[in-house]
Amino acid sequence: MSINPFFKEIDNYVDIAYGPRLTNPLDPLDDITEPKDEVKQNFRILLLTKPGERLTDNNFGVGIQNYLFELANPQTYGQIKTRITTQVSIYMPYLTIQDMRVGLATPDSQSLRVIIKYYVPSLDQLDEMVLTFPT
């Protein structure tokens, strides 16, 4: 069985159809080939994009950086968790958050740390995202 030449030709343009899959946003030649890595990168983008930053969808993004100058208290941590949960349910419904912790990186630091354990059933992927601000 031979492959239709059209499909061979269009294979070169897969990034146009599905968008770039970058592990390192600074290196345009770094292309993700593993679906597990792509999910993690998409999740990272969702967490770091500020609402209003994406031109096609002003509601997209958690914008964790926006909470850096808020009071370090349970109410602020609750707002962050709620925003993450809401954004995941809208933009990444294939992902299940299993555990989420928000707080200071260390008791005497000024750094915000977010730890999210998540599961992707379709890939049988259990992974963890750890973000600390400022880095």
Protein backbone atom coordinates (compact mmCIF):
# COMPACT_ATOMS: atom_id res chain seq x y z
CA MET A 1 0.00 0.00 0.00
CA SER A 2 1.54 3.30 -1.04
CA ILE A 3 1.04 6.58 0.82
CA ASN A 4 -0.71 9.36 -1.00
CA PRO A 5 1.90 11.99 -2.00
CA PHE A 6 -0.35 14.73 -0.63
CA PHE A 7 0.04 13.37 2.92
CA LYS A 8 3.82 13.17 2.54
CA GLU A 9 3.88 16.79 1.42
CA ILE A 10 1.58 18.11 4.17
CA ASP A 11 3.64 16.36 6.86
CA ASN A 12 6.19 19.18 6.48
CA TYR A 13 3.55 21.69 7.59
CA VAL A 14 2.25 19.97 10.72
CA ASP A 15 3.35 22.90 12.95
CA ILE A 16 1.19 25.27 10.93
CA ALA A 17 -1.86 23.10 11.50
CA TYR A 18 -1.29 22.41 15.19
CA GLY A 19 1.03 25.23 16.26
CA PRO A 20 4.60 25.01 17.50
CA ARG A 21 5.28 22.68 20.37
CA LEU A 22 8.22 24.23 22.15
CA THR A 23 10.02 22.92 25.22
CA ASN A 24 12.21 26.00 25.29
CA PRO A 25 10.29 29.10 24.16
CA LEU A 26 13.58 30.85 23.38
CA ASP A 27 14.65 28.16 20.90
CA PRO A 28 12.28 28.00 17.90
CA LEU A 29 14.03 24.87 16.64
CA ASP A 30 13.31 22.92 19.83
CA ASP A 31 10.20 20.90 18.95
CA ILE A 32 8.30 18.67 21.36
CA THR A 33 7.63 15.20 20.04
CA GLU A 34 6.19 13.58 23.16
CA PRO A 35 2.51 14.24 23.98
CA LYS A 36 3.35 14.18 27.71
CA ASP A 37 5.84 17.00 27.23
CA GLU A 38 3.35 18.95 25.14
CA VAL A 39 0.69 18.72 27.88
CA LYS A 40 3.18 19.98 30.45
CA GLN A 41 4.23 22.89 28.24
CA ASN A 42 0.60 23.80 27.50
CA PHE A 43 -0.15 23.73 31.23
CA ARG A 44 2.85 25.96 31.95
CA ILE A 45 1.64 28.42 29.29
CA LEU A 46 -1.85 28.46 30.82
CA LEU A 47 -0.41 29.20 34.27
CA LEU A 48 2.01 31.92 33.15
CA THR A 49 -0.15 33.77 30.61
CA LYS A 50 -1.77 36.85 32.10
CA PRO A 51 -5.49 37.37 31.41
CA GLY A 52 -5.82 39.71 28.44
CA GLU A 53 -2.37 38.83 27.11
CA ARG A 54 -3.68 36.43 24.47
CA LEU A 55 -5.20 38.47 21.67
CA THR A 56 -7.71 35.87 20.54
CA ASP A 57 -9.08 35.13 24.03
CA ASN A 58 -8.90 37.76 26.78
CA ASN A 59 -10.01 35.28 29.44
CA PHE A 60 -7.20 32.78 28.79
CA GLY A 61 -4.54 32.46 31.45
CA VAL A 62 -4.05 32.33 35.20
CA GLY A 63 -1.39 35.03 35.43
CA ILE A 64 0.22 33.78 38.62
CA GLN A 65 2.65 36.70 38.43
CA ASN A 66 -0.29 39.04 39.14
CA TYR A 67 -0.47 37.65 42.69
CA LEU A 68 3.15 38.43 43.62
CA PHE A 69 2.30 41.68 45.36
CA GLU A 70 -0.84 40.43 47.10
CA LEU A 71 -0.85 39.59 50.78
CA ALA A 72 0.55 36.16 51.60
CA ASN A 73 -2.54 34.75 53.31
CA PRO A 74 -5.05 31.91 52.88
CA GLN A 75 -7.51 34.14 51.00
CA THR A 76 -4.96 34.98 48.30
CA TYR A 77 -3.90 31.34 48.06
CA GLY A 78 -7.56 30.39 47.69
CA GLN A 79 -7.99 32.90 44.85
CA ILE A 80 -4.98 31.41 43.05
CA LYS A 81 -6.31 27.87 43.46
CA THR A 82 -9.76 28.88 42.24
CA ARG A 83 -8.32 30.64 39.19
CA ILE A 84 -6.16 27.62 38.30
CA THR A 85 -9.05 25.18 38.74
CA THR A 86 -11.38 27.33 36.63
CA GLN A 87 -8.86 27.81 33.83
CA VAL A 88 -8.01 24.10 33.71
CA SER A 89 -11.69 23.16 33.52
CA ILE A 90 -12.19 25.52 30.56
CA TYR A 91 -8.97 25.19 28.56
CA MET A 92 -7.53 21.81 29.60
CA PRO A 93 -10.51 19.63 30.57
CA TYR A 94 -8.52 16.49 29.71
CA LEU A 95 -6.31 17.19 32.74
CA THR A 96 -7.31 16.30 36.33
CA ILE A 97 -5.74 18.20 39.21
CA GLN A 98 -5.07 15.75 42.03
CA ASP A 99 -3.33 18.05 44.52
CA MET A 100 -2.50 21.75 44.62
CA ARG A 101 -0.43 23.66 47.14
CA VAL A 102 0.11 27.40 47.16
CA GLY A 103 2.26 29.27 49.64
CA LEU A 104 5.61 30.81 50.37
CA ALA A 105 8.64 28.87 49.13
CA THR A 106 10.08 28.99 52.66
CA PRO A 107 8.57 30.55 55.80
CA ASP A 108 11.00 33.50 55.74
CA SER A 109 11.02 34.09 51.96
CA GLN A 110 9.15 36.48 49.72
CA SER A 111 8.82 33.88 46.94
CA LEU A 112 5.48 32.40 45.97
CA ARG A 113 5.49 28.67 45.22
CA VAL A 114 2.76 26.74 43.43
CA ILE A 115 2.91 22.93 43.31
CA ILE A 116 0.31 21.09 41.23
CA LYS A 117 0.05 17.35 40.85
CA TYR A 118 -2.04 16.42 37.85
CA TYR A 119 -3.13 13.39 35.88
CA VAL A 120 -3.94 13.02 32.18
CA PRO A 121 -6.05 9.84 31.82
CA SER A 122 -5.79 9.63 28.02
CA LEU A 123 -1.98 9.45 28.29
CA ASP A 124 -1.85 7.69 31.66
CA GLN A 125 0.39 10.57 32.75
CA LEU A 126 0.88 11.53 36.38
CA ASP A 127 3.10 14.58 36.68
CA GLU A 128 3.88 17.58 38.82
CA MET A 129 4.29 21.28 38.03
CA VAL A 130 6.38 23.39 40.41
CA LEU A 131 6.58 27.14 39.88
CA THR A 132 8.38 29.61 42.14
CA PHE A 133 8.11 33.40 41.72
CA PRO A 134 10.29 35.28 41.45
CA THR A 135 12.73 32.71 40.16
